[in-house]
Amino acid sequence: MSADTFNYILVKIEPRKSKNFKKKKKKKKKKKKKKKKKKKKKKKKKKKEEEEEEEEKEEEEEEEENNINNNNSKRVYANLGQGDGGGARACDRWVSVDLRVDSLATVPSVLSVSFAATTVFPH
């Protein structure tokens, strides 16, 4: 395979439709009255419970993102030609390729392509 060169796979993904971004008006915060110390102790317990709930939510979101990445991955077969543009007729080897959409990318129109060239199929 050292003599072979990879042919490029070009994929076009349309960017997500952006909503009309309007500046949100900032709401004025109302001043809260000072509360008794007894209520502060209850707040500490509530804060601990809220932190635990937030951690559970984050773990669930990570699992959902992993599921999304797995659902977006598609396995295709790409040919390894000589780079002369002959395509499938000129190539003698086929390699399985994983295409995954990177949902965590900062630009939504970016596609990350990972090549899994572990299995070579005779053509």
PDB file of N, CA and C in Angstrom:
ATOM      1  N   MET A   1       0.809  -1.199   0.000  1.00  0.00           N
ATOM      2  CA  MET A   1       0.000   0.000   0.000  1.00  0.00           C
ATOM      3  C   MET A   1       0.854   1.264   0.000  1.00  0.00           C
ATOM      4  N   SER A   2       2.167   1.103   0.082  1.00  0.00           N
ATOM      5  CA  SER A   2       2.997   2.305   0.127  1.00  0.00           C
ATOM      6  C   SER A   2       2.987   3.042  -1.215  1.00  0.00           C
ATOM      7  N   ALA A   3       2.774   2.303  -2.297  1.00  0.00           N
ATOM      8  CA  ALA A   3       2.757   2.950  -3.606  1.00  0.00           C
ATOM      9  C   ALA A   3       1.408   3.604  -3.897  1.00  0.00           C
ATOM     10  N   ASP A   4       0.373   3.201  -3.174  1.00  0.00           N
ATOM     11  CA  ASP A   4      -0.971   3.734  -3.440  1.00  0.00           C
ATOM     12  C   ASP A   4      -1.143   5.089  -2.767  1.00  0.00           C
ATOM     13  N   THR A   5      -1.963   5.912  -3.372  1.00  0.00           N
ATOM     14  CA  THR A   5      -2.310   7.204  -2.763  1.00  0.00           C
ATOM     15  C   THR A   5      -3.815   7.251  -2.558  1.00  0.00           C
ATOM     16  N   PHE A   6      -4.234   7.968  -1.539  1.00  0.00           N
ATOM     17  CA  PHE A   6      -5.658   8.062  -1.230  1.00  0.00           C
ATOM     18  C   PHE A   6      -6.330   9.061  -2.171  1.00  0.00           C
ATOM     19  N   ASN A   7      -7.482   8.684  -2.668  1.00  0.00           N
ATOM     20  CA  ASN A   7      -8.319   9.632  -3.386  1.00  0.00           C
ATOM     21  C   ASN A   7      -9.122  10.417  -2.371  1.00  0.00           C
ATOM     22  N   TYR A   8      -9.388  11.675  -2.668  1.00  0.00           N
ATOM     23  CA  TYR A   8     -10.129  12.518  -1.733  1.00  0.00           C
ATOM     24  C   TYR A   8     -11.620  12.203  -1.800  1.00  0.00           C
ATOM     25  N   ILE A   9     -12.282  12.269  -0.656  1.00  0.00           N
ATOM     26  CA  ILE A   9     -13.732  12.145  -0.579  1.00  0.00           C
ATOM     27  C   ILE A   9     -14.266  13.517  -0.230  1.00  0.00           C
ATOM     28  N   LEU A  10     -14.997  14.140  -1.141  1.00  0.00           N
ATOM     29  CA  LEU A  10     -15.532  15.478  -0.910  1.00  0.00           C
ATOM     30  C   LEU A  10     -16.981  15.361  -0.476  1.00  0.00           C
ATOM     31  N   VAL A  11     -17.287  15.953   0.665  1.00  0.00           N
ATOM     32  CA  VAL A  11     -18.645  15.916   1.202  1.00  0.00           C
ATOM     33  C   VAL A  11     -19.082  17.336   1.467  1.00  0.00           C
ATOM     34  N   LYS A  12     -20.261  17.697   0.966  1.00  0.00           N
ATOM     35  CA  LYS A  12     -20.791  19.044   1.186  1.00  0.00           C
ATOM     36  C   LYS A  12     -21.943  18.956   2.168  1.00  0.00           C
ATOM     37  N   ILE A  13     -21.860  19.723   3.223  1.00  0.00           N
ATOM     38  CA  ILE A  13     -22.918  19.775   4.225  1.00  0.00           C
ATOM     39  C   ILE A  13     -23.396  21.202   4.318  1.00  0.00           C
ATOM     40  N   GLU A  14     -24.688  21.392   4.173  1.00  0.00           N
ATOM     41  CA  GLU A  14     -25.216  22.745   4.264  1.00  0.00           C
ATOM     42  C   GLU A  14     -25.229  23.175   5.728  1.00  0.00           C
ATOM     43  N   PRO A  15     -24.866  24.423   6.008  1.00  0.00           N
ATOM     44  CA  PRO A  15     -24.889  24.885   7.407  1.00  0.00           C
ATOM     45  C   PRO A  15     -26.313  24.955   7.922  1.00  0.00           C
ATOM     46  N   ARG A  16     -26.431  24.876   9.218  1.00  0.00           N
ATOM     47  CA  ARG A  16     -27.748  24.947   9.839  1.00  0.00           C
ATOM     48  C   ARG A  16     -28.372  26.307   9.589  1.00  0.00           C
ATOM     49  N   LYS A  17     -29.692  26.318   9.490  1.00  0.00           N
ATOM     50  CA  LYS A  17     -30.392  27.580   9.282  1.00  0.00           C
ATOM     51  C   LYS A  17     -30.308  28.390  10.565  1.00  0.00           C
ATOM     52  N   SER A  18     -29.712  29.557  10.462  1.00  0.00           N
ATOM     53  CA  SER A  18     -29.546  30.386  11.653  1.00  0.00           C
ATOM     54  C   SER A  18     -30.808  31.184  11.895  1.00  0.00           C
ATOM     55  N   LYS A  19     -31.139  31.324  13.158  1.00  0.00           N
ATOM     56  CA  LYS A  19     -32.309  32.113  13.527  1.00  0.00           C
ATOM     57  C   LYS A  19     -31.919  33.584  13.500  1.00  0.00           C
ATOM     58  N   ASN A  20     -32.916  34.442  13.434  1.00  0.00           N
ATOM     59  CA  ASN A  20     -32.646  35.867  13.492  1.00  0.00           C
ATOM     60  C   ASN A  20     -32.195  36.219  14.901  1.00  0.00           C
ATOM     61  N   PHE A  21     -30.956  36.645  14.980  1.00  0.00           N
ATOM     62  CA  PHE A  21     -30.412  36.949  16.293  1.00  0.00           C
ATOM     63  C   PHE A  21     -30.782  38.388  16.661  1.00  0.00           C
ATOM     64  N   LYS A  22     -31.507  38.524  17.725  1.00  0.00           N
ATOM     65  CA  LYS A  22     -31.871  39.848  18.214  1.00  0.00           C
ATOM     66  C   LYS A  22     -31.248  40.028  19.589  1.00  0.00           C
ATOM     67  N   LYS A  23     -30.849  41.243  19.858  1.00  0.00           N
ATOM     68  CA  LYS A  23     -30.281  41.514  21.164  1.00  0.00           C
ATOM     69  C   LYS A  23     -31.386  41.439  22.208  1.00  0.00           C
ATOM     70  N   LYS A  24     -31.128  40.649  23.218  1.00  0.00           N
ATOM     71  CA  LYS A  24     -32.110  40.511  24.273  1.00  0.00           C
ATOM     72  C   LYS A  24     -31.943  41.653  25.267  1.00  0.00           C
ATOM     73  N   LYS A  25     -33.071  42.168  25.688  1.00  0.00           N
ATOM     74  CA  LYS A  25     -33.016  43.235  26.678  1.00  0.00           C
ATOM     75  C   LYS A  25     -32.699  42.626  28.036  1.00  0.00           C
ATOM     76  N   LYS A  26     -31.780  43.263  28.727  1.00  0.00           N
ATOM     77  CA  LYS A  26     -31.410  42.775  30.039  1.00  0.00           C
ATOM     78  C   LYS A  26     -32.472  43.179  31.051  1.00  0.00           C
ATOM     79  N   LYS A  27     -32.875  42.214  31.829  1.00  0.00           N
ATOM     80  CA  LYS A  27     -33.855  42.494  32.862  1.00  0.00           C
ATOM     81  C   LYS A  27     -33.139  42.993  34.112  1.00  0.00           C
ATOM     82  N   LYS A  28     -33.737  43.963  34.734  1.00  0.00           N
ATOM     83  CA  LYS A  28     -33.155  44.483  35.959  1.00  0.00           C
ATOM     84  C   LYS A  28     -33.412  43.497  37.093  1.00  0.00           C
ATOM     85  N   LYS A  29     -32.361  43.230  37.829  1.00  0.00           N
ATOM     86  CA  LYS A  29     -32.493  42.306  38.944  1.00  0.00           C
ATOM     87  C   LYS A  29     -33.049  43.044  40.151  1.00  0.00           C
ATOM     88  N   LYS A  30     -33.998  42.400  40.783  1.00  0.00           N
ATOM     89  CA  LYS A  30     -34.569  42.989  41.994  1.00  0.00           C
ATOM     90  C   LYS A  30     -33.673  42.656  43.173  1.00  0.00           C
ATOM     91  N   LYS A  31     -33.526  43.609  44.046  1.00  0.00           N
ATOM     92  CA  LYS A  31     -32.712  43.385  45.228  1.00  0.00           C
ATOM     93  C   LYS A  31     -33.469  42.491  46.194  1.00  0.00           C
ATOM     94  N   LYS A  32     -32.781  41.465  46.660  1.00  0.00           N
ATOM     95  CA  LYS A  32     -33.410  40.535  47.594  1.00  0.00           C
ATOM     96  C   LYS A  32     -33.091  40.960  49.021  1.00  0.00           C
ATOM     97  N   LYS A  33     -34.045  40.742  49.875  1.00  0.00           N
ATOM     98  CA  LYS A  33     -33.845  41.065  51.287  1.00  0.00           C
ATOM     99  C   LYS A  33     -32.972  40.003  51.925  1.00  0.00           C
ATOM    100  N   LYS A  34     -32.228  40.398  52.926  1.00  0.00           N
ATOM    101  CA  LYS A  34     -31.394  39.445  53.645  1.00  0.00           C
ATOM    102  C   LYS A  34     -32.267  38.469  54.413  1.00  0.00           C
ATOM    103  N   LYS A  35     -31.876  37.219  54.376  1.00  0.00           N
ATOM    104  CA  LYS A  35     -32.662  36.185  55.044  1.00  0.00           C
ATOM    105  C   LYS A  35     -31.937  35.715  56.297  1.00  0.00           C
ATOM    106  N   LYS A  36     -32.672  35.030  57.138  1.00  0.00           N
ATOM    107  CA  LYS A  36     -32.119  34.566  58.401  1.00  0.00           C
ATOM    108  C   LYS A  36     -31.108  33.450  58.173  1.00  0.00           C
ATOM    109  N   LYS A  37     -30.257  33.215  59.156  1.00  0.00           N
ATOM    110  CA  LYS A  37     -29.212  32.205  59.045  1.00  0.00           C
ATOM    111  C   LYS A  37     -29.777  30.804  58.926  1.00  0.00           C
ATOM    112  N   LYS A  38     -30.909  30.545  59.532  1.00  0.00           N
ATOM    113  CA  LYS A  38     -31.501  29.215  59.471  1.00  0.00           C
ATOM    114  C   LYS A  38     -31.824  28.838  58.033  1.00  0.00           C
ATOM    115  N   LYS A  39     -32.278  29.780  57.256  1.00  0.00           N
ATOM    116  CA  LYS A  39     -32.608  29.495  55.864  1.00  0.00           C
ATOM    117  C   LYS A  39     -31.355  29.241  55.036  1.00  0.00           C
ATOM    118  N   LYS A  40     -30.241  29.842  55.415  1.00  0.00           N
ATOM    119  CA  LYS A  40     -28.998  29.613  54.688  1.00  0.00           C
ATOM    120  C   LYS A  40     -28.562  28.160  54.805  1.00  0.00           C
ATOM    121  N   LYS A  41     -28.771  27.554  55.943  1.00  0.00           N
ATOM    122  CA  LYS A  41     -28.408  26.150  56.108  1.00  0.00           C
ATOM    123  C   LYS A  41     -29.219  25.277  55.155  1.00  0.00           C
ATOM    124  N   LYS A  42     -30.475  25.605  54.986  1.00  0.00           N
ATOM    125  CA  LYS A  42     -31.299  24.851  54.055  1.00  0.00           C
ATOM    126  C   LYS A  42     -30.800  25.042  52.630  1.00  0.00           C
ATOM    127  N   LYS A  43     -30.339  26.241  52.322  1.00  0.00           N
ATOM    128  CA  LYS A  43     -29.821  26.512  50.981  1.00  0.00           C
ATOM    129  C   LYS A  43     -28.614  25.648  50.682  1.00  0.00           C
ATOM    130  N   LYS A  44     -27.757  25.458  51.680  1.00  0.00           N
ATOM    131  CA  LYS A  44     -26.576  24.634  51.456  1.00  0.00           C
ATOM    132  C   LYS A  44     -26.974  23.217  51.079  1.00  0.00           C
ATOM    133  N   LYS A  45     -27.979  22.691  51.756  1.00  0.00           N
ATOM    134  CA  LYS A  45     -28.446  21.349  51.415  1.00  0.00           C
ATOM    135  C   LYS A  45     -29.019  21.338  50.005  1.00  0.00           C
ATOM    136  N   LYS A  46     -29.769  22.377  49.672  1.00  0.00           N
ATOM    137  CA  LYS A  46     -30.353  22.456  48.338  1.00  0.00           C
ATOM    138  C   LYS A  46     -29.267  22.569  47.285  1.00  0.00           C
ATOM    139  N   LYS A  47     -28.215  23.336  47.585  1.00  0.00           N
ATOM    140  CA  LYS A  47     -27.120  23.491  46.626  1.00  0.00           C
ATOM    141  C   LYS A  47     -26.455  22.155  46.347  1.00  0.00           C
ATOM    142  N   LYS A  48     -26.244  21.365  47.404  1.00  0.00           N
ATOM    143  CA  LYS A  48     -25.624  20.051  47.211  1.00  0.00           C
ATOM    144  C   LYS A  48     -26.503  19.169  46.330  1.00  0.00           C
ATOM    145  N   GLU A  49     -27.788  19.203  46.584  1.00  0.00           N
ATOM    146  CA  GLU A  49     -28.704  18.397  45.776  1.00  0.00           C
ATOM    147  C   GLU A  49     -28.721  18.878  44.328  1.00  0.00           C
ATOM    148  N   GLU A  50     -28.693  20.185  44.139  1.00  0.00           N
ATOM    149  CA  GLU A  50     -28.685  20.730  42.784  1.00  0.00           C
ATOM    150  C   GLU A  50     -27.406  20.356  42.050  1.00  0.00           C
ATOM    151  N   GLU A  51     -26.272  20.376  42.753  1.00  0.00           N
ATOM    152  CA  GLU A  51     -25.009  20.000  42.121  1.00  0.00           C
ATOM    153  C   GLU A  51     -25.036  18.539  41.693  1.00  0.00           C
ATOM    154  N   GLU A  52     -25.596  17.683  42.529  1.00  0.00           N
ATOM    155  CA  GLU A  52     -25.690  16.271  42.168  1.00  0.00           C
ATOM    156  C   GLU A  52     -26.590  16.082  40.952  1.00  0.00           C
ATOM    157  N   GLU A  53     -27.689  16.827  40.917  1.00  0.00           N
ATOM    158  CA  GLU A  53     -28.582  16.728  39.763  1.00  0.00           C
ATOM    159  C   GLU A  53     -27.900  17.229  38.499  1.00  0.00           C
ATOM    160  N   GLU A  54     -27.126  18.305  38.610  1.00  0.00           N
ATOM    161  CA  GLU A  54     -26.410  18.830  37.451  1.00  0.00           C
ATOM    162  C   GLU A  54     -25.388  17.828  36.937  1.00  0.00           C
ATOM    163  N   GLU A  55     -24.690  17.148  37.855  1.00  0.00           N
ATOM    164  CA  GLU A  55     -23.714  16.152  37.438  1.00  0.00           C
ATOM    165  C   GLU A  55     -24.403  15.001  36.695  1.00  0.00           C
ATOM    166  N   GLU A  56     -25.564  14.581  37.199  1.00  0.00           N
ATOM    167  CA  GLU A  56     -26.289  13.509  36.530  1.00  0.00           C
ATOM    168  C   GLU A  56     -26.747  13.954  35.136  1.00  0.00           C
ATOM    169  N   LYS A  57     -27.208  15.193  35.034  1.00  0.00           N
ATOM    170  CA  LYS A  57     -27.634  15.714  33.736  1.00  0.00           C
ATOM    171  C   LYS A  57     -26.467  15.760  32.758  1.00  0.00           C
ATOM    172  N   GLU A  58     -25.290  16.184  33.234  1.00  0.00           N
ATOM    173  CA  GLU A  58     -24.113  16.247  32.359  1.00  0.00           C
ATOM    174  C   GLU A  58     -23.734  14.861  31.864  1.00  0.00           C
ATOM    175  N   GLU A  59     -23.791  13.873  32.756  1.00  0.00           N
ATOM    176  CA  GLU A  59     -23.465  12.510  32.346  1.00  0.00           C
ATOM    177  C   GLU A  59     -24.453  12.009  31.294  1.00  0.00           C
ATOM    178  N   GLU A  60     -25.732  12.324  31.479  1.00  0.00           N
ATOM    179  CA  GLU A  60     -26.729  11.905  30.493  1.00  0.00           C
ATOM    180  C   GLU A  60     -26.502  12.594  29.156  1.00  0.00           C
ATOM    181  N   GLU A  61     -26.132  13.877  29.190  1.00  0.00           N
ATOM    182  CA  GLU A  61     -25.868  14.602  27.950  1.00  0.00           C
ATOM    183  C   GLU A  61     -24.672  14.011  27.214  1.00  0.00           C
ATOM    184  N   GLU A  62     -23.633  13.618  27.965  1.00  0.00           N
ATOM    185  CA  GLU A  62     -22.467  13.016  27.330  1.00  0.00           C
ATOM    186  C   GLU A  62     -22.842  11.690  26.666  1.00  0.00           C
ATOM    187  N   GLU A  63     -23.681  10.901  27.349  1.00  0.00           N
ATOM    188  CA  GLU A  63     -24.110   9.639  26.758  1.00  0.00           C
ATOM    189  C   GLU A  63     -24.933   9.882  25.489  1.00  0.00           C
ATOM    190  N   GLU A  64     -25.793  10.913  25.529  1.00  0.00           N
ATOM    191  CA  GLU A  64     -26.588  11.226  24.347  1.00  0.00           C
ATOM    192  C   GLU A  64     -25.695  11.671  23.195  1.00  0.00           C
ATOM    193  N   GLU A  65     -24.668  12.480  23.501  1.00  0.00           N
ATOM    194  CA  GLU A  65     -23.751  12.923  22.448  1.00  0.00           C
ATOM    195  C   GLU A  65     -23.011  11.734  21.844  1.00  0.00           C
ATOM    196  N   ASN A  66     -22.604  10.781  22.701  1.00  0.00           N
ATOM    197  CA  ASN A  66     -21.939   9.593  22.175  1.00  0.00           C
ATOM    198  C   ASN A  66     -22.882   8.801  21.281  1.00  0.00           C
ATOM    199  N   ASN A  67     -24.151   8.688  21.682  1.00  0.00           N
ATOM    200  CA  ASN A  67     -25.125   7.981  20.852  1.00  0.00           C
ATOM    201  C   ASN A  67     -25.327   8.699  19.533  1.00  0.00           C
ATOM    202  N   ILE A  68     -25.369  10.043  19.579  1.00  0.00           N
ATOM    203  CA  ILE A  68     -25.547  10.817  18.352  1.00  0.00           C
ATOM    204  C   ILE A  68     -24.378  10.582  17.409  1.00  0.00           C
ATOM    205  N   ASN A  69     -23.142  10.589  17.963  1.00  0.00           N
ATOM    206  CA  ASN A  69     -21.967  10.361  17.119  1.00  0.00           C
ATOM    207  C   ASN A  69     -22.012   8.971  16.496  1.00  0.00           C
ATOM    208  N   ASN A  70     -22.466   7.980  17.272  1.00  0.00           N
ATOM    209  CA  ASN A  70     -22.542   6.628  16.735  1.00  0.00           C
ATOM    210  C   ASN A  70     -23.623   6.522  15.666  1.00  0.00           C
ATOM    211  N   ASN A  71     -24.735   7.236  15.839  1.00  0.00           N
ATOM    212  CA  ASN A  71     -25.805   7.181  14.856  1.00  0.00           C
ATOM    213  C   ASN A  71     -25.410   7.905  13.572  1.00  0.00           C
ATOM    214  N   ASN A  72     -24.570   8.933  13.689  1.00  0.00           N
ATOM    215  CA  ASN A  72     -24.180   9.696  12.508  1.00  0.00           C
ATOM    216  C   ASN A  72     -23.079   9.002  11.709  1.00  0.00           C
ATOM    217  N   SER A  73     -22.438   8.003  12.285  1.00  0.00           N
ATOM    218  CA  SER A  73     -21.335   7.358  11.573  1.00  0.00           C
ATOM    219  C   SER A  73     -21.891   6.397  10.534  1.00  0.00           C
ATOM    220  N   LYS A  74     -21.341   6.486   9.355  1.00  0.00           N
ATOM    221  CA  LYS A  74     -21.760   5.603   8.272  1.00  0.00           C
ATOM    222  C   LYS A  74     -20.522   4.943   7.685  1.00  0.00           C
ATOM    223  N   ARG A  75     -20.625   3.656   7.423  1.00  0.00           N
ATOM    224  CA  ARG A  75     -19.493   2.925   6.865  1.00  0.00           C
ATOM    225  C   ARG A  75     -19.670   2.806   5.360  1.00  0.00           C
ATOM    226  N   VAL A  76     -18.668   3.261   4.662  1.00  0.00           N
ATOM    227  CA  VAL A  76     -18.677   3.151   3.205  1.00  0.00           C
ATOM    228  C   VAL A  76     -17.382   2.492   2.775  1.00  0.00           C
ATOM    229  N   TYR A  77     -17.302   2.139   1.525  1.00  0.00           N
ATOM    230  CA  TYR A  77     -16.088   1.530   0.994  1.00  0.00           C
ATOM    231  C   TYR A  77     -15.461   2.481  -0.015  1.00  0.00           C
ATOM    232  N   ALA A  78     -14.225   2.847   0.253  1.00  0.00           N
ATOM    233  CA  ALA A  78     -13.515   3.768  -0.631  1.00  0.00           C
ATOM    234  C   ALA A  78     -12.396   3.012  -1.327  1.00  0.00           C
ATOM    235  N   ASN A  79     -12.145   3.394  -2.554  1.00  0.00           N
ATOM    236  CA  ASN A  79     -11.111   2.702  -3.314  1.00  0.00           C
ATOM    237  C   ASN A  79      -9.759   3.397  -3.130  1.00  0.00           C
ATOM    238  N   LEU A  80      -8.728   2.598  -3.190  1.00  0.00           N
ATOM    239  CA  LEU A  80      -7.361   3.114  -3.153  1.00  0.00           C
ATOM    240  C   LEU A  80      -6.815   2.994  -4.570  1.00  0.00           C
ATOM    241  N   GLY A  81      -6.851   4.086  -5.298  1.00  0.00           N
ATOM    242  CA  GLY A  81      -6.349   4.054  -6.673  1.00  0.00           C
ATOM    243  C   GLY A  81      -4.916   4.549  -6.735  1.00  0.00           C
ATOM    244  N   GLN A  82      -4.442   4.751  -7.931  1.00  0.00           N
ATOM    245  CA  GLN A  82      -3.088   5.241  -8.125  1.00  0.00           C
ATOM    246  C   GLN A  82      -3.035   6.764  -8.118  1.00  0.00           C
ATOM    247  N   GLY A  83      -4.175   7.439  -7.900  1.00  0.00           N
ATOM    248  CA  GLY A  83      -4.181   8.895  -7.887  1.00  0.00           C
ATOM    249  C   GLY A  83      -4.304   9.506  -9.267  1.00  0.00           C
ATOM    250  N   ASP A  84      -4.555   8.650 -10.268  1.00  0.00           N
ATOM    251  CA  ASP A  84      -4.647   9.165 -11.638  1.00  0.00           C
ATOM    252  C   ASP A  84      -6.095   9.464 -12.029  1.00  0.00           C
ATOM    253  N   GLY A  85      -7.023   9.343 -11.114  1.00  0.00           N
ATOM    254  CA  GLY A  85      -8.424   9.641 -11.414  1.00  0.00           C
ATOM    255  C   GLY A  85      -9.128   8.521 -12.143  1.00  0.00           C
ATOM    256  N   GLY A  86      -8.532   7.338 -12.180  1.00  0.00           N
ATOM    257  CA  GLY A  86      -9.163   6.222 -12.874  1.00  0.00           C
ATOM    258  C   GLY A  86     -10.358   5.666 -12.122  1.00  0.00           C
ATOM    259  N   GLY A  87     -10.408   5.902 -10.824  1.00  0.00           N
ATOM    260  CA  GLY A  87     -11.553   5.460 -10.033  1.00  0.00           C
ATOM    261  C   GLY A  87     -11.535   3.967  -9.778  1.00  0.00           C
ATOM    262  N   ALA A  88     -12.733   3.371  -9.805  1.00  0.00           N
ATOM    263  CA  ALA A  88     -12.868   1.974  -9.405  1.00  0.00           C
ATOM    264  C   ALA A  88     -12.223   1.024 -10.418  1.00  0.00           C
ATOM    265  N   ARG A  89     -12.152   1.437 -11.651  1.00  0.00           N
ATOM    266  CA  ARG A  89     -11.562   0.538 -12.657  1.00  0.00           C
ATOM    267  C   ARG A  89     -10.066   0.392 -12.443  1.00  0.00           C
ATOM    268  N   ALA A  90      -9.433   1.484 -12.021  1.00  0.00           N
ATOM    269  CA  ALA A  90      -7.977   1.444 -11.904  1.00  0.00           C
ATOM    270  C   ALA A  90      -7.505   0.866 -10.577  1.00  0.00           C
ATOM    271  N   CYS A  91      -8.390   0.792  -9.587  1.00  0.00           N
ATOM    272  CA  CYS A  91      -7.913   0.364  -8.276  1.00  0.00           C
ATOM    273  C   CYS A  91      -8.020  -1.147  -8.134  1.00  0.00           C
ATOM    274  N   ASP A  92      -7.182  -1.677  -7.277  1.00  0.00           N
ATOM    275  CA  ASP A  92      -7.223  -3.107  -7.030  1.00  0.00           C
ATOM    276  C   ASP A  92      -7.478  -3.405  -5.557  1.00  0.00           C
ATOM    277  N   ARG A  93      -7.716  -2.392  -4.745  1.00  0.00           N
ATOM    278  CA  ARG A  93      -7.964  -2.614  -3.323  1.00  0.00           C
ATOM    279  C   ARG A  93      -9.110  -1.736  -2.859  1.00  0.00           C
ATOM    280  N   TRP A  94      -9.870  -2.257  -1.893  1.00  0.00           N
ATOM    281  CA  TRP A  94     -10.965  -1.490  -1.288  1.00  0.00           C
ATOM    282  C   TRP A  94     -10.738  -1.444   0.214  1.00  0.00           C
ATOM    283  N   VAL A  95     -11.012  -0.308   0.804  1.00  0.00           N
ATOM    284  CA  VAL A  95     -10.784  -0.123   2.237  1.00  0.00           C
ATOM    285  C   VAL A  95     -12.073   0.391   2.860  1.00  0.00           C
ATOM    286  N   SER A  96     -12.396  -0.134   4.026  1.00  0.00           N
ATOM    287  CA  SER A  96     -13.590   0.354   4.713  1.00  0.00           C
ATOM    288  C   SER A  96     -13.273   1.686   5.377  1.00  0.00           C
ATOM    289  N   VAL A  97     -14.182   2.632   5.247  1.00  0.00           N
ATOM    290  CA  VAL A  97     -13.965   3.993   5.743  1.00  0.00           C
ATOM    291  C   VAL A  97     -15.135   4.381   6.635  1.00  0.00           C
ATOM    292  N   ASP A  98     -14.826   4.989   7.766  1.00  0.00           N
ATOM    293  CA  ASP A  98     -15.863   5.504   8.659  1.00  0.00           C
ATOM    294  C   ASP A  98     -16.003   6.995   8.449  1.00  0.00           C
ATOM    295  N   LEU A  99     -17.219   7.468   8.211  1.00  0.00           N
ATOM    296  CA  LEU A  99     -17.497   8.896   8.115  1.00  0.00           C
ATOM    297  C   LEU A  99     -18.312   9.282   9.337  1.00  0.00           C
ATOM    298  N   ARG A 100     -17.838  10.265  10.079  1.00  0.00           N
ATOM    299  CA  ARG A 100     -18.571  10.703  11.255  1.00  0.00           C
ATOM    300  C   ARG A 100     -18.760  12.209  11.204  1.00  0.00           C
ATOM    301  N   VAL A 101     -19.964  12.649  11.526  1.00  0.00           N
ATOM    302  CA  VAL A 101     -20.233  14.077  11.632  1.00  0.00           C
ATOM    303  C   VAL A 101     -19.872  14.499  13.040  1.00  0.00           C
ATOM    304  N   ASP A 102     -19.007  15.492  13.127  1.00  0.00           N
ATOM    305  CA  ASP A 102     -18.553  15.962  14.430  1.00  0.00           C
ATOM    306  C   ASP A 102     -19.561  16.964  14.964  1.00  0.00           C
ATOM    307  N   SER A 103     -20.415  16.503  15.883  1.00  0.00           N
ATOM    308  CA  SER A 103     -21.454  17.397  16.413  1.00  0.00           C
ATOM    309  C   SER A 103     -20.886  18.397  17.406  1.00  0.00           C
ATOM    310  N   LEU A 104     -19.673  18.172  17.859  1.00  0.00           N
ATOM    311  CA  LEU A 104     -19.073  19.094  18.817  1.00  0.00           C
ATOM    312  C   LEU A 104     -18.223  20.156  18.140  1.00  0.00           C
ATOM    313  N   ALA A 105     -18.221  20.171  16.811  1.00  0.00           N
ATOM    314  CA  ALA A 105     -17.397  21.146  16.097  1.00  0.00           C
ATOM    315  C   ALA A 105     -17.939  22.551  16.308  1.00  0.00           C
ATOM    316  N   THR A 106     -17.024  23.522  16.368  1.00  0.00           N
ATOM    317  CA  THR A 106     -17.459  24.902  16.565  1.00  0.00           C
ATOM    318  C   THR A 106     -18.191  25.424  15.343  1.00  0.00           C
ATOM    319  N   VAL A 107     -17.791  24.994  14.160  1.00  0.00           N
ATOM    320  CA  VAL A 107     -18.477  25.385  12.929  1.00  0.00           C
ATOM    321  C   VAL A 107     -19.360  24.211  12.528  1.00  0.00           C
ATOM    322  N   PRO A 108     -20.688  24.390  12.448  1.00  0.00           N
ATOM    323  CA  PRO A 108     -21.561  23.242  12.205  1.00  0.00           C
ATOM    324  C   PRO A 108     -21.420  22.639  10.815  1.00  0.00           C
ATOM    325  N   SER A 109     -20.764  23.342   9.886  1.00  0.00           N
ATOM    326  CA  SER A 109     -20.654  22.806   8.529  1.00  0.00           C
ATOM    327  C   SER A 109     -19.369  21.994   8.339  1.00  0.00           C
ATOM    328  N   VAL A 110     -18.644  21.722   9.393  1.00  0.00           N
ATOM    329  CA  VAL A 110     -17.386  20.981   9.286  1.00  0.00           C
ATOM    330  C   VAL A 110     -17.667  19.494   9.435  1.00  0.00           C
ATOM    331  N   LEU A 111     -17.078  18.692   8.580  1.00  0.00           N
ATOM    332  CA  LEU A 111     -17.213  17.249   8.658  1.00  0.00           C
ATOM    333  C   LEU A 111     -15.843  16.656   8.963  1.00  0.00           C
ATOM    334  N   SER A 112     -15.762  15.867  10.000  1.00  0.00           N
ATOM    335  CA  SER A 112     -14.503  15.196  10.297  1.00  0.00           C
ATOM    336  C   SER A 112     -14.584  13.784   9.739  1.00  0.00           C
ATOM    337  N   VAL A 113     -13.597  13.416   8.970  1.00  0.00           N
ATOM    338  CA  VAL A 113     -13.566  12.113   8.331  1.00  0.00           C
ATOM    339  C   VAL A 113     -12.442  11.306   8.953  1.00  0.00           C
ATOM    340  N   SER A 114     -12.785  10.134   9.477  1.00  0.00           N
ATOM    341  CA  SER A 114     -11.750   9.274  10.042  1.00  0.00           C
ATOM    342  C   SER A 114     -11.661   8.014   9.195  1.00  0.00           C
ATOM    343  N   PHE A 115     -10.458   7.679   8.760  1.00  0.00           N
ATOM    344  CA  PHE A 115     -10.245   6.517   7.912  1.00  0.00           C
ATOM    345  C   PHE A 115      -9.835   5.330   8.783  1.00  0.00           C
ATOM    346  N   ALA A 116     -10.581   4.265   8.670  1.00  0.00           N
ATOM    347  CA  ALA A 116     -10.232   3.040   9.371  1.00  0.00           C
ATOM    348  C   ALA A 116      -9.732   2.045   8.333  1.00  0.00           C
ATOM    349  N   ALA A 117      -8.454   2.125   8.025  1.00  0.00           N
ATOM    350  CA  ALA A 117      -7.882   1.308   6.956  1.00  0.00           C
ATOM    351  C   ALA A 117      -7.324   0.017   7.522  1.00  0.00           C
ATOM    352  N   THR A 118      -8.110  -0.637   8.356  1.00  0.00           N
ATOM    353  CA  THR A 118      -7.631  -1.880   8.963  1.00  0.00           C
ATOM    354  C   THR A 118      -7.971  -3.093   8.100  1.00  0.00           C
ATOM    355  N   THR A 119      -9.068  -3.011   7.383  1.00  0.00           N
ATOM    356  CA  THR A 119      -9.520  -4.151   6.583  1.00  0.00           C
ATOM    357  C   THR A 119      -9.377  -3.822   5.102  1.00  0.00           C
ATOM    358  N   VAL A 120      -8.654  -4.638   4.391  1.00  0.00           N
ATOM    359  CA  VAL A 120      -8.469  -4.431   2.953  1.00  0.00           C
ATOM    360  C   VAL A 120      -9.178  -5.566   2.228  1.00  0.00           C
ATOM    361  N   PHE A 121     -10.067  -5.208   1.305  1.00  0.00           N
ATOM    362  CA  PHE A 121     -10.834  -6.207   0.573  1.00  0.00           C
ATOM    363  C   PHE A 121     -10.283  -6.338  -0.839  1.00  0.00           C
ATOM    364  N   PRO A 122     -10.056  -7.537  -1.312  1.00  0.00           N
ATOM    365  CA  PRO A 122      -9.599  -7.689  -2.708  1.00  0.00           C
ATOM    366  C   PRO A 122     -10.732  -7.369  -3.662  1.00  0.00           C
ATOM    367  N   HIS A 123     -10.389  -6.696  -4.745  1.00  0.00           N
ATOM    368  CA  HIS A 123     -11.412  -6.284  -5.731  1.00  0.00           C
ATOM    369  C   HIS A 123     -11.295  -7.145  -6.981  1.00  0.00           C
TER     370      HIS A 123
END
